[in-house]
Amino acid sequence: MKDKIVHKLNELQATAICGNDISSSCLYVSALTIGYAGQYAWISLLVVAVVLFMFRKIYGEVVGALPLNGGAYNVLLNTSSKRIASIAAILTVLSYMATAVISASEAMHYLHNIFTGINVQIATAIVLFIFTAIAIVGIGESAAVAVFIFIIHLISLTLLVGTALFFILNHGTETFSLNWKLPAHPQGIAYTLFLGFSAAMLGISGFESSANFVEEQQPGVFRKTLRNMWAIVSFFNPVIAIILIAIIPVIELDEHKESLLAYLGQTTGGSWLAWVISIDAVLVLCGAVLTSFVGVSGLLKRMTLDRILPNYFLKENKNGSSYRIVIVFLILCISVMIATKGHLESLAGVYTFSFLAVMALFGIGNLMLKIKRRKLPRPEKANGLVVVIAIAFIITGFVGNMYLSKEAFNTFIQYLIPALILVFLMLNRSMLIRTTVSVLSYFYKPIRKFAIISNRYLERVNRKLHSQEFVFFTKGDDVAILNKVMQYVEDNETTKKLKIVNIKKDNTCNEALKKDLEVLDRAYPEIHIEFVEMQGNFGPELIDELSNKWDIPKNFMFIGSPGDKFPYKVSELGGVRLIM
């Protein structure tokens, strides 16, 4: 099948799409961190930069080994179970949903400072509709918009930093000295840095976005996006914090926290610079909205292909955009905005805890990849101890944010539970259909005609679920390995059909394998096993041929973990999953 996405994203385009989200944090994270850590905020932000540096290799190893869309969902799907992977996916979607609404709303708050007559909530909805349209047009057009916003943002931040440094050279460091002498928190500097670090973790939200559309990027671009995002926030966030402490008395910062960088621009350069920063804030926050739409499209499409979500979402337009996913995501964002009445603090809880949990799960996925997929080729490896330390930092930030706002954590749980219930229902829909059929048969005997019609429809739906055939390519593995394959299919898929395919280079017959499969066929009576032996060379061409011949999507084909001598990259196999 011809790939509908003709042009892969280059380094600038991919960096811009995910970079707008993470770099938009420069507008607020310094002020937020100073609110908790005072004059020591820049130290907390530097610690966050170190944590992000550790995650560069963690993400690089995982996506290098499994270069498929889905981020944390993808690595957990290929190293654990579909249920655990689904939890990571839910958290990612919640993070994107909160990011879209918060970013659009904050952008309109900045715009309101310029044009006071606008209605913030209506304007927020309009922004969401506009970026829905851009996402539906296609990722190539989305990238062009993202690049424009990204370049404007970097120029604006550089201009602000340069003007502020010039201001300090002319006015001296008296304000910095006064701020630095302010007393620390009564519980000590370490406690102060802990609070600052927890608040500063908002500055790395969006780092996982690039992993959710890696298939749309040119080869080798993904690792560069990680490097570029790390460099931007590691420089600007601590530097802006130091500049704020050097120019504005800490006691004045709280008065201007909603548009602090605009106030900094007003102080150092005048009203023209305040306008530039305000306009830049509107643009880059809107860019973060676009990142949410692009990231969630890649993730939900992957979940739909894996039958976690209904096939209804797979419909694409001529540009290759899954427009139904985009529209449903818009509806979710609008509904959340209405439900919270624009109360950003409620959404901030969903936002913070979701992406921190996703990053922790990604780190855990990296460890599982090291244990379960040791032989899988990868361009780089993260040190195991470094991975554990990075996860510990994320957990520390999660706990710290719980301490900072228990109400925000409660809001996060209120959104998480319904989402978990929905996915649980989708993963267990076959069992639910059988239960419903039994209940209808029992309770609707007086209305026999209704029961018969309902049951026929439900049974037809159930048969369709079970009719999807799966394929496992075997090298003639022993019965223990094949048994694990059967257990995986039984625990994670609703299918009743499995082809075991043995690709050989000669005409010999593997009698031992046939006998093993006869044993497994008796051990798993609910799964129909079909054994296929064929001569040929295993690779992308054969997978394409069998996928078209048998009408089985490639993501319903499984292989064991390949070794270092495997001649192909996993990404070249078109979405074939690893289950051993």
Protein backbone atom coordinates (compact mmCIF):
# COMPACT_ATOMS: atom_id res chain seq x y z
CA MET A 1 0.00 0.00 0.00
CA LYS A 2 1.36 3.39 -0.93
CA ASP A 3 2.19 5.69 1.96
CA LYS A 4 -0.20 8.65 1.92
CA ILE A 5 2.29 10.92 3.68
CA VAL A 6 4.63 11.82 0.82
CA HIS A 7 6.94 14.19 2.65
CA LYS A 8 8.60 13.20 5.91
CA LEU A 9 9.31 15.95 8.41
CA ASN A 10 12.83 17.38 8.50
CA GLU A 11 14.68 18.45 11.66
CA LEU A 12 13.29 21.99 11.76
CA GLN A 13 9.71 20.92 11.08
CA ALA A 14 9.70 18.11 13.65
CA THR A 15 11.46 20.27 16.25
CA ALA A 16 8.98 23.08 15.68
CA ILE A 17 5.91 20.86 16.15
CA CYS A 18 7.04 19.46 19.49
CA GLY A 19 9.25 22.43 20.43
CA ASN A 20 6.39 24.93 20.50
CA ASP A 21 4.85 22.98 23.38
CA ILE A 22 7.93 22.61 25.55
CA SER A 23 9.36 26.06 24.75
CA SER A 24 6.06 27.77 25.59
CA SER A 25 6.94 26.88 29.19
CA CYS A 26 9.50 29.70 29.08
CA LEU A 27 6.56 32.11 29.36
CA TYR A 28 5.47 30.93 32.78
CA VAL A 29 7.74 28.32 34.37
CA SER A 30 10.38 30.79 35.62
CA ALA A 31 7.76 32.89 37.39
CA LEU A 32 6.12 29.77 38.81
CA THR A 33 9.43 28.41 40.10
CA ILE A 34 10.44 31.74 41.65
CA GLY A 35 7.11 31.70 43.50
CA TYR A 36 8.26 28.57 45.37
CA ALA A 37 12.07 28.76 45.32
CA GLY A 38 12.62 32.51 45.27
CA GLN A 39 16.17 33.53 44.39
CA TYR A 40 17.18 29.85 44.12
CA ALA A 41 14.72 29.15 41.27
CA TRP A 42 17.47 29.00 38.63
CA ILE A 43 19.11 26.12 40.53
CA SER A 44 15.86 24.14 40.51
CA LEU A 45 15.54 24.81 36.78
CA LEU A 46 19.10 23.59 36.18
CA VAL A 47 18.29 20.34 38.03
CA VAL A 48 15.29 19.90 35.73
CA ALA A 49 17.64 20.42 32.76
CA VAL A 50 19.85 17.59 34.08
CA VAL A 51 16.80 15.29 34.40
CA LEU A 52 15.81 16.14 30.83
CA PHE A 53 19.35 15.37 29.67
CA MET A 54 19.02 11.88 31.18
CA PHE A 55 15.72 11.37 29.39
CA ARG A 56 17.30 12.23 26.04
CA LYS A 57 19.06 8.85 25.99
CA ILE A 58 16.11 7.05 27.55
CA TYR A 59 13.84 8.21 24.73
CA GLY A 60 16.58 7.77 22.16
CA GLU A 61 17.15 4.13 23.08
CA VAL A 62 13.47 3.19 23.12
CA VAL A 63 12.45 4.95 19.92
CA GLY A 64 15.65 3.89 18.21
CA ALA A 65 14.78 0.26 18.96
CA LEU A 66 11.03 0.65 18.28
CA PRO A 67 10.61 3.61 15.88
CA LEU A 68 6.81 3.56 15.83
CA ASN A 69 4.22 6.14 16.85
CA GLY A 70 2.82 5.92 20.35
CA GLY A 71 5.59 6.93 22.75
CA ALA A 72 5.17 5.25 26.14
CA TYR A 73 2.21 3.28 24.79
CA ASN A 74 4.39 1.80 22.05
CA VAL A 75 7.23 0.63 24.29
CA LEU A 76 4.88 -0.87 26.90
CA LEU A 77 2.82 -2.60 24.20
CA ASN A 78 6.00 -4.31 22.96
CA THR A 79 7.40 -5.15 26.39
CA SER A 80 4.38 -5.78 28.65
CA SER A 81 0.64 -6.13 28.02
CA LYS A 82 -1.99 -4.18 26.12
CA ARG A 83 -3.71 -3.22 29.39
CA ILE A 84 -0.61 -1.61 30.87
CA ALA A 85 0.15 0.11 27.56
CA SER A 86 -3.41 1.46 27.48
CA ILE A 87 -2.89 3.17 30.85
CA ALA A 88 0.10 5.06 29.40
CA ALA A 89 -1.99 5.99 26.36
CA ILE A 90 -4.84 7.31 28.52
CA LEU A 91 -2.44 9.46 30.53
CA THR A 92 -0.92 10.82 27.32
CA VAL A 93 -4.33 11.70 25.87
CA LEU A 94 -5.34 13.43 29.11
CA SER A 95 -2.10 15.40 29.01
CA TYR A 96 -2.72 16.48 25.41
CA MET A 97 -6.33 17.38 26.15
CA ALA A 98 -5.36 19.57 29.10
CA THR A 99 -2.44 21.07 27.13
CA ALA A 100 -4.71 22.09 24.25
CA VAL A 101 -7.31 23.79 26.44
CA ILE A 102 -4.82 25.46 28.81
CA SER A 103 -2.58 26.71 25.99
CA ALA A 104 -5.51 28.08 23.97
CA SER A 105 -6.97 29.76 27.04
CA GLU A 106 -3.64 31.26 28.16
CA ALA A 107 -3.02 32.53 24.63
CA MET A 108 -6.37 34.31 24.69
CA HIS A 109 -5.59 35.78 28.11
CA TYR A 110 -2.44 37.31 26.62
CA LEU A 111 -4.48 38.55 23.65
CA HIS A 112 -6.99 40.03 26.08
CA ASN A 113 -4.17 42.16 27.51
CA ILE A 114 -3.76 43.67 24.05
CA PHE A 115 -7.41 43.77 22.96
CA THR A 116 -9.50 44.04 26.11
CA GLY A 117 -12.83 43.65 24.32
CA ILE A 118 -12.54 39.93 23.48
CA ASN A 119 -14.39 37.18 25.33
CA VAL A 120 -11.67 34.78 26.48
CA GLN A 121 -13.81 31.62 26.57
CA ILE A 122 -15.36 32.16 23.13
CA ALA A 123 -11.95 33.07 21.70
CA THR A 124 -10.49 29.87 23.22
CA ALA A 125 -13.13 27.78 21.44
CA ILE A 126 -12.37 29.57 18.16
CA VAL A 127 -8.65 28.78 18.53
CA LEU A 128 -9.45 25.09 19.07
CA PHE A 129 -11.64 25.06 15.94
CA ILE A 130 -8.92 26.77 13.87
CA PHE A 131 -6.25 24.25 14.82
CA THR A 132 -8.68 21.40 14.28
CA ALA A 133 -8.98 22.59 10.69
CA ILE A 134 -5.19 22.88 10.33
CA ALA A 135 -4.68 19.34 11.73
CA ILE A 136 -7.32 17.94 9.34
CA VAL A 137 -5.59 19.54 6.33
CA GLY A 138 -2.49 17.43 7.08
CA ILE A 139 0.77 17.25 9.00
CA GLY A 140 2.79 18.93 6.23
CA GLU A 141 0.69 22.09 6.45
CA SER A 142 0.71 21.83 10.25
CA ALA A 143 4.52 21.79 10.15
CA ALA A 144 4.66 24.98 8.07
CA VAL A 145 2.52 26.81 10.65
CA ALA A 146 4.58 25.34 13.51
CA VAL A 147 7.90 26.41 11.96
CA PHE A 148 6.70 30.01 11.54
CA ILE A 149 5.56 30.17 15.19
CA PHE A 150 8.73 28.46 16.44
CA ILE A 151 11.11 30.85 14.70
CA ILE A 152 9.17 33.91 15.90
CA HIS A 153 9.28 32.53 19.45
CA LEU A 154 13.03 31.93 19.47
CA ILE A 155 13.68 35.41 18.04
CA SER A 156 11.39 36.99 20.67
CA LEU A 157 13.04 35.16 23.58
CA THR A 158 16.51 36.00 22.30
CA LEU A 159 15.51 39.66 21.91
CA LEU A 160 14.12 39.71 25.45
CA VAL A 161 17.24 38.12 26.96
CA GLY A 162 19.54 40.46 25.01
CA THR A 163 17.58 43.56 26.01
CA ALA A 164 17.49 42.44 29.66
CA LEU A 165 21.27 41.84 29.74
CA PHE A 166 21.84 45.30 28.27
CA PHE A 167 19.53 46.70 30.95
CA ILE A 168 21.56 44.98 33.70
CA LEU A 169 24.84 46.32 32.28
CA ASN A 170 23.46 49.85 32.47
CA HIS A 171 21.63 49.63 35.81
CA GLY A 172 23.93 47.36 37.81
CA THR A 173 23.14 44.35 40.03
CA GLU A 174 21.70 46.07 43.09
CA THR A 175 18.28 44.39 42.68
CA PHE A 176 19.96 41.00 42.33
CA SER A 177 21.90 41.56 45.56
CA LEU A 178 18.74 42.55 47.45
CA ASN A 179 16.83 39.53 46.15
CA TRP A 180 19.69 37.16 46.89
CA LYS A 181 19.81 38.27 50.52
CA LEU A 182 16.14 37.47 51.10
CA PRO A 183 15.63 34.74 53.75
CA ALA A 184 15.05 31.21 52.47
CA HIS A 185 12.14 28.99 53.50
CA PRO A 186 12.12 28.25 57.26
CA GLN A 187 12.64 24.54 56.51
CA GLY A 188 15.92 25.21 54.72
CA ILE A 189 17.38 25.61 51.24
CA ALA A 190 17.00 21.90 50.38
CA TYR A 191 13.26 22.09 51.04
CA THR A 192 13.07 25.30 49.00
CA LEU A 193 14.84 23.64 46.06
CA PHE A 194 12.50 20.63 46.34
CA LEU A 195 9.43 22.87 46.01
CA GLY A 196 11.04 24.78 43.17
CA PHE A 197 12.02 21.57 41.38
CA SER A 198 8.46 20.20 41.66
CA ALA A 199 7.02 23.39 40.18
CA ALA A 200 9.74 23.58 37.52
CA MET A 201 8.84 20.11 36.18
CA LEU A 202 6.11 21.89 34.21
CA GLY A 203 8.96 23.15 32.07
CA ILE A 204 9.51 19.75 30.45
CA SER A 205 5.90 19.06 29.47
CA GLY A 206 5.81 18.21 25.78
CA PHE A 207 9.16 16.41 25.70
CA GLU A 208 7.36 13.15 24.88
CA SER A 209 5.47 14.64 21.90
CA SER A 210 8.10 13.84 19.29
CA ALA A 211 7.81 10.11 20.10
CA ASN A 212 4.12 10.17 19.16
CA PHE A 213 4.73 11.11 15.51
CA VAL A 214 8.17 9.57 14.91
CA GLU A 215 6.93 7.66 11.83
CA GLU A 216 6.27 10.99 10.09
CA GLN A 217 9.88 12.12 10.62
CA GLN A 218 12.85 11.58 8.34
CA PRO A 219 15.43 8.97 9.48
CA GLY A 220 17.68 10.28 12.25
CA VAL A 221 15.53 13.34 12.98
CA PHE A 222 13.97 12.10 16.22
CA ARG A 223 17.17 12.20 18.28
CA LYS A 224 17.88 15.69 16.97
CA THR A 225 14.46 16.90 18.14
CA LEU A 226 15.31 15.67 21.65
CA ARG A 227 18.65 17.49 21.59
CA ASN A 228 17.09 20.70 20.30
CA MET A 229 14.24 20.73 22.83
CA TRP A 230 16.67 20.06 25.67
CA ALA A 231 19.01 22.84 24.56
CA ILE A 232 16.22 25.44 24.30
CA VAL A 233 14.64 24.92 27.72
CA SER A 234 17.96 24.25 29.47
CA PHE A 235 19.22 27.64 28.33
CA PHE A 236 16.20 29.94 28.41
CA ASN A 237 14.44 28.78 31.58
CA PRO A 238 17.38 29.21 34.04
CA VAL A 239 18.64 32.35 32.27
CA ILE A 240 15.22 34.02 32.37
CA ALA A 241 14.92 33.13 36.07
CA ILE A 242 18.28 34.78 36.82
CA ILE A 243 17.34 37.85 34.76
CA LEU A 244 14.04 38.22 36.61
CA ILE A 245 15.82 38.05 39.97
CA ALA A 246 18.39 40.59 38.75
CA ILE A 247 15.84 43.13 37.49
CA ILE A 248 12.53 42.80 39.37
CA PRO A 249 12.16 42.67 43.18
CA VAL A 250 10.77 39.25 44.18
CA ILE A 251 7.91 40.88 46.11
CA GLU A 252 6.65 42.45 42.84
CA LEU A 253 6.71 39.23 40.80
CA ASP A 254 3.41 37.88 42.13
CA GLU A 255 1.54 40.97 40.92
CA HIS A 256 2.48 40.22 37.30
CA LYS A 257 2.68 36.41 37.30
CA GLU A 258 0.06 35.94 34.55
CA SER A 259 2.12 37.93 32.02
CA LEU A 260 5.49 38.24 33.73
CA LEU A 261 7.66 38.18 30.62
CA ALA A 262 5.59 40.95 29.06
CA TYR A 263 6.15 42.96 32.25
CA LEU A 264 9.89 42.19 32.01
CA GLY A 265 9.85 43.44 28.43
CA GLN A 266 8.04 46.61 29.54
CA THR A 267 10.65 47.20 32.26
CA THR A 268 13.74 46.59 30.13
CA GLY A 269 12.73 47.76 26.67
CA GLY A 270 9.49 49.66 26.91
CA SER A 271 5.97 49.10 25.58
CA TRP A 272 7.16 47.91 22.15
CA LEU A 273 8.96 44.92 23.69
CA ALA A 274 5.97 44.14 25.93
CA TRP A 275 3.81 44.01 22.78
CA VAL A 276 6.33 41.76 21.00
CA ILE A 277 6.38 39.31 23.93
CA SER A 278 2.58 39.36 24.26
CA ILE A 279 2.09 38.62 20.55
CA ASP A 280 4.77 35.92 20.71
CA ALA A 281 2.99 34.38 23.71
CA VAL A 282 -0.27 34.21 21.75
CA LEU A 283 1.47 32.54 18.81
CA VAL A 284 3.58 29.98 20.68
CA LEU A 285 0.75 28.97 23.00
CA CYS A 286 -1.37 28.41 19.91
CA GLY A 287 1.56 26.36 18.58
CA ALA A 288 1.30 24.18 21.69
CA VAL A 289 -2.36 23.59 20.78
CA LEU A 290 -1.22 22.36 17.37
CA THR A 291 1.32 20.03 19.02
CA SER A 292 -1.51 18.46 21.00
CA PHE A 293 -3.57 17.79 17.88
CA VAL A 294 -0.63 16.29 15.95
CA GLY A 295 0.53 14.15 18.89
CA VAL A 296 -2.89 12.82 19.81
CA SER A 297 -3.64 11.96 16.16
CA GLY A 298 -0.58 9.69 15.93
CA LEU A 299 -1.30 8.04 19.28
CA LEU A 300 -5.04 7.42 18.83
CA LYS A 301 -4.53 6.10 15.32
CA ARG A 302 -2.04 3.58 16.68
CA MET A 303 -4.49 2.57 19.45
CA THR A 304 -7.25 2.13 16.87
CA LEU A 305 -5.05 -0.09 14.72
CA ASP A 306 -4.46 -2.23 17.81
CA ARG A 307 -8.25 -2.56 18.31
CA ILE A 308 -8.32 -0.66 21.60
CA LEU A 309 -10.56 1.94 19.95
CA PRO A 310 -13.25 1.34 17.28
CA ASN A 311 -12.16 1.09 13.62
CA TYR A 312 -14.43 4.07 12.96
CA PHE A 313 -11.46 6.34 13.72
CA LEU A 314 -9.26 4.94 10.93
CA LYS A 315 -11.03 6.84 8.15
CA GLU A 316 -8.57 9.22 6.45
CA ASN A 317 -8.90 12.09 4.01
CA LYS A 318 -6.84 12.49 0.83
CA ASN A 319 -4.02 14.12 2.81
CA GLY A 320 -3.66 11.09 5.08
CA SER A 321 -5.17 12.86 8.10
CA SER A 322 -7.32 10.81 10.51
CA TYR A 323 -9.91 13.58 10.64
CA ARG A 324 -12.39 11.67 12.81
CA ILE A 325 -9.79 11.42 15.57
CA VAL A 326 -9.13 15.15 15.30
CA ILE A 327 -12.84 16.01 15.48
CA VAL A 328 -13.46 13.76 18.49
CA PHE A 329 -10.46 15.29 20.23
CA LEU A 330 -11.92 18.75 19.56
CA ILE A 331 -15.24 17.67 21.10
CA LEU A 332 -13.42 16.38 24.19
CA CYS A 333 -11.50 19.65 24.55
CA ILE A 334 -14.64 21.78 24.20
CA SER A 335 -16.55 19.61 26.67
CA VAL A 336 -13.74 19.89 29.23
CA MET A 337 -13.57 23.64 28.76
CA ILE A 338 -17.32 23.93 29.36
CA ALA A 339 -17.27 21.52 32.32
CA THR A 340 -14.49 23.45 34.08
CA LYS A 341 -15.91 26.86 33.04
CA GLY A 342 -12.42 27.92 32.05
CA HIS A 343 -11.03 27.21 35.53
CA LEU A 344 -7.42 26.65 34.54
CA GLU A 345 -6.22 25.43 37.93
CA SER A 346 -8.44 22.34 37.59
CA LEU A 347 -6.97 21.49 34.19
CA ALA A 348 -3.45 22.22 35.41
CA GLY A 349 -3.74 19.25 37.78
CA VAL A 350 -4.62 16.93 34.89
CA TYR A 351 -1.81 18.46 32.84
CA THR A 352 0.96 18.13 35.44
CA PHE A 353 0.27 14.67 36.80
CA SER A 354 -0.51 13.16 33.40
CA PHE A 355 2.75 14.02 31.68
CA LEU A 356 4.84 13.20 34.77
CA ALA A 357 3.19 9.77 34.95
CA VAL A 358 3.80 9.27 31.21
CA MET A 359 7.51 10.07 31.59
CA ALA A 360 7.83 7.69 34.55
CA LEU A 361 6.13 4.93 32.54
CA PHE A 362 8.44 5.63 29.62
CA GLY A 363 11.43 5.17 31.92
CA ILE A 364 9.95 1.89 33.19
CA GLY A 365 9.39 0.85 29.57
CA ASN A 366 13.08 1.50 28.91
CA LEU A 367 14.05 -0.84 31.76
CA MET A 368 11.67 -3.52 30.48
CA LEU A 369 13.16 -3.13 26.99
CA LYS A 370 16.61 -3.79 28.46
CA ILE A 371 15.35 -6.92 30.24
CA LYS A 372 12.98 -8.40 27.64
CA ARG A 373 14.50 -7.14 24.37
CA ARG A 374 18.21 -7.29 25.08
CA LYS A 375 19.09 -8.43 21.54
CA LEU A 376 16.98 -5.79 19.81
CA PRO A 377 19.32 -3.44 17.86
CA ARG A 378 19.28 0.21 18.98
CA PRO A 379 21.41 3.23 17.98
CA GLU A 380 22.20 4.20 21.60
CA LYS A 381 21.79 2.84 25.10
CA ALA A 382 20.95 4.61 28.34
CA ASN A 383 22.81 3.42 31.43
CA GLY A 384 20.45 1.39 33.64
CA LEU A 385 21.43 3.27 36.80
CA VAL A 386 20.82 6.60 35.04
CA VAL A 387 17.35 5.41 34.03
CA VAL A 388 16.51 4.50 37.63
CA ILE A 389 17.78 7.91 38.84
CA ALA A 390 15.74 9.71 36.18
CA ILE A 391 12.57 7.82 37.18
CA ALA A 392 13.26 8.68 40.83
CA PHE A 393 13.44 12.38 39.93
CA ILE A 394 10.10 12.15 38.08
CA ILE A 395 8.47 10.41 41.04
CA THR A 396 9.90 13.11 43.31
CA GLY A 397 8.34 15.75 41.10
CA PHE A 398 5.02 13.89 41.10
CA VAL A 399 4.98 13.65 44.90
CA GLY A 400 6.08 17.27 45.18
CA ASN A 401 3.18 18.43 43.03
CA MET A 402 0.78 16.37 45.16
CA TYR A 403 2.14 18.28 48.14
CA LEU A 404 1.83 21.63 46.38
CA SER A 405 -1.80 21.03 45.38
CA LYS A 406 -3.87 18.12 46.66
CA GLU A 407 -6.91 19.63 44.94
CA ALA A 408 -5.15 19.43 41.58
CA PHE A 409 -4.32 15.76 42.20
CA ASN A 410 -7.96 15.05 43.05
CA THR A 411 -9.02 16.69 39.79
CA PHE A 412 -6.53 14.50 37.91
CA ILE A 413 -8.03 11.37 39.51
CA GLN A 414 -11.55 12.53 38.60
CA TYR A 415 -10.57 12.67 34.92
CA LEU A 416 -8.42 9.54 34.99
CA ILE A 417 -10.99 7.10 36.40
CA PRO A 418 -13.68 7.59 33.68
CA ALA A 419 -10.99 7.29 30.99
CA LEU A 420 -9.72 4.03 32.52
CA ILE A 421 -13.27 2.67 32.68
CA LEU A 422 -13.84 3.49 28.98
CA VAL A 423 -10.68 1.69 27.83
CA PHE A 424 -11.43 -1.23 30.17
CA LEU A 425 -14.81 -1.59 28.47
CA MET A 426 -13.17 -1.54 25.02
CA LEU A 427 -10.56 -4.15 25.98
CA ASN A 428 -13.23 -6.42 27.45
CA ARG A 429 -16.01 -5.74 24.97
CA SER A 430 -16.21 -9.37 23.84
CA MET A 431 -16.92 -10.55 27.40
CA LEU A 432 -19.43 -7.70 27.88
CA ILE A 433 -21.25 -8.64 24.67
CA ARG A 434 -21.55 -12.28 25.77
CA THR A 435 -22.83 -11.16 29.17
CA THR A 436 -25.38 -8.83 27.56
CA VAL A 437 -26.63 -11.64 25.31
CA SER A 438 -27.13 -13.89 28.34
CA VAL A 439 -28.91 -11.15 30.29
CA LEU A 440 -31.23 -10.33 27.39
CA SER A 441 -32.04 -14.00 26.90
CA TYR A 442 -32.97 -14.30 30.57
CA PHE A 443 -34.89 -11.08 31.19
CA TYR A 444 -36.63 -10.63 27.85
CA LYS A 445 -38.29 -13.99 27.44
CA PRO A 446 -41.74 -12.29 27.57
CA ILE A 447 -40.61 -10.05 24.71
CA ARG A 448 -39.06 -12.81 22.68
CA LYS A 449 -38.89 -10.95 19.36
CA PHE A 450 -36.89 -8.07 20.87
CA ALA A 451 -34.48 -10.47 22.57
CA ILE A 452 -33.91 -12.42 19.34
CA ILE A 453 -33.18 -9.27 17.28
CA SER A 454 -30.87 -7.81 19.97
CA ASN A 455 -28.98 -11.06 20.45
CA ARG A 456 -28.50 -11.58 16.73
CA TYR A 457 -26.98 -8.14 16.37
CA LEU A 458 -24.70 -8.55 19.40
CA GLU A 459 -23.60 -12.01 18.33
CA ARG A 460 -22.78 -10.67 14.87
CA VAL A 461 -20.64 -7.94 16.46
CA ASN A 462 -18.92 -10.53 18.64
CA ARG A 463 -18.20 -12.81 15.68
CA LYS A 464 -16.65 -9.88 13.87
CA LEU A 465 -14.38 -9.20 16.85
CA HIS A 466 -13.27 -12.83 16.99
CA SER A 467 -12.89 -13.19 13.22
CA GLN A 468 -9.78 -11.03 12.99
CA GLU A 469 -6.88 -13.34 12.29
CA PHE A 470 -3.42 -12.89 13.79
CA VAL A 471 -0.05 -14.15 12.55
CA PHE A 472 3.07 -15.23 14.39
CA PHE A 473 6.26 -15.79 12.41
CA THR A 474 8.32 -18.57 13.98
CA LYS A 475 11.84 -19.79 13.30
CA GLY A 476 10.88 -23.26 14.49
CA ASP A 477 10.87 -22.25 18.14
CA ASP A 478 10.42 -24.82 20.88
CA VAL A 479 7.05 -25.46 22.48
CA ALA A 480 7.81 -23.29 25.55
CA ILE A 481 8.24 -20.17 23.41
CA LEU A 482 5.14 -20.95 21.34
CA ASN A 483 3.19 -21.48 24.55
CA LYS A 484 4.13 -17.96 25.66
CA VAL A 485 2.85 -16.68 22.31
CA MET A 486 -0.48 -18.43 22.90
CA GLN A 487 -0.69 -16.97 26.41
CA TYR A 488 -0.04 -13.47 25.06
CA VAL A 489 -2.74 -13.79 22.41
CA GLU A 490 -5.24 -15.23 24.91
CA ASP A 491 -4.57 -12.47 27.46
CA ASN A 492 -4.35 -9.49 25.11
CA GLU A 493 -6.44 -10.16 22.00
CA THR A 494 -10.07 -11.11 21.32
CA THR A 495 -9.19 -13.26 18.31
CA LYS A 496 -10.04 -16.93 17.92
CA LYS A 497 -7.74 -17.45 14.93
CA LEU A 498 -3.95 -17.59 14.82
CA LYS A 499 -1.66 -18.50 11.94
CA ILE A 500 1.74 -19.89 12.93
CA VAL A 501 4.00 -19.25 9.93
CA ASN A 502 7.39 -20.92 9.48
CA ILE A 503 9.52 -19.37 6.71
CA LYS A 504 12.15 -21.80 5.38
CA LYS A 505 14.93 -21.58 2.83
CA ASP A 506 14.45 -25.19 1.66
CA ASN A 507 11.67 -27.74 1.17
CA THR A 508 12.21 -29.67 4.42
CA CYS A 509 9.24 -30.30 6.70
CA ASN A 510 9.45 -29.42 10.40
CA GLU A 511 7.68 -32.42 11.94
CA ALA A 512 8.72 -31.51 15.51
CA LEU A 513 7.08 -28.11 15.17
CA LYS A 514 3.88 -29.68 13.85
CA LYS A 515 3.69 -31.99 16.86
CA ASP A 516 4.27 -29.09 19.25
CA LEU A 517 1.43 -27.16 17.63
CA GLU A 518 -0.89 -30.15 17.94
CA VAL A 519 -0.23 -30.09 21.70
CA LEU A 520 -0.93 -26.35 21.86
CA ASP A 521 -4.09 -26.75 19.80
CA ARG A 522 -5.43 -29.10 22.47
CA ALA A 523 -4.21 -26.85 25.30
CA TYR A 524 -5.97 -23.77 23.87
CA PRO A 525 -9.24 -25.10 22.40
CA GLU A 526 -10.77 -21.62 22.05
CA ILE A 527 -8.06 -20.52 19.60
CA HIS A 528 -7.98 -22.09 16.15
CA ILE A 529 -4.34 -22.63 15.14
CA GLU A 530 -3.41 -22.85 11.47
CA PHE A 531 0.14 -23.92 10.66
CA VAL A 532 1.66 -22.55 7.45
CA GLU A 533 5.06 -23.57 6.08
CA MET A 534 6.49 -21.71 3.11
CA GLN A 535 9.77 -21.29 1.34
CA GLY A 536 11.26 -17.80 1.09
CA ASN A 537 13.15 -15.04 2.86
CA PHE A 538 11.56 -13.26 5.82
CA GLY A 539 11.54 -9.49 5.37
CA PRO A 540 9.40 -6.43 4.53
CA GLU A 541 8.51 -7.66 1.03
CA LEU A 542 7.20 -11.00 2.30
CA ILE A 543 5.24 -9.26 5.07
CA ASP A 544 3.66 -6.91 2.50
CA GLU A 545 2.79 -9.87 0.28
CA LEU A 546 1.18 -11.94 3.07
CA SER A 547 -0.62 -8.92 4.55
CA ASN A 548 -2.29 -8.23 1.18
CA LYS A 549 -2.89 -11.89 0.38
CA TRP A 550 -4.50 -12.75 3.72
CA ASP A 551 -6.03 -9.29 4.33
CA ILE A 552 -4.38 -9.10 7.76
CA PRO A 553 -3.03 -5.70 8.92
CA LYS A 554 0.69 -5.71 9.73
CA ASN A 555 0.09 -4.65 13.33
CA PHE A 556 -1.75 -7.99 13.79
CA MET A 557 1.45 -9.82 12.87
CA PHE A 558 3.93 -10.79 15.61
CA ILE A 559 7.57 -11.79 15.71
CA GLY A 560 9.98 -12.66 18.48
CA SER A 561 12.61 -10.09 19.44
CA PRO A 562 15.23 -10.03 16.64
CA GLY A 563 18.95 -10.22 17.39
CA ASP A 564 21.89 -8.03 16.37
CA LYS A 565 22.30 -9.94 13.08
CA PHE A 566 18.72 -9.28 11.96
CA PRO A 567 19.10 -7.54 8.56
CA TYR A 568 16.17 -5.13 8.97
CA LYS A 569 15.08 -2.41 11.35
CA VAL A 570 11.80 -2.99 13.19
CA SER A 571 10.41 0.16 11.53
CA GLU A 572 10.96 -1.43 8.08
CA LEU A 573 8.52 -4.22 8.94
CA GLY A 574 5.57 -1.82 8.77
CA GLY A 575 4.26 -2.07 12.33
CA VAL A 576 4.82 -5.78 13.06
CA ARG A 577 4.71 -6.20 16.85
CA LEU A 578 7.22 -7.83 19.18
CA ILE A 579 5.73 -10.19 21.75
CA MET A 580 8.70 -12.30 22.85
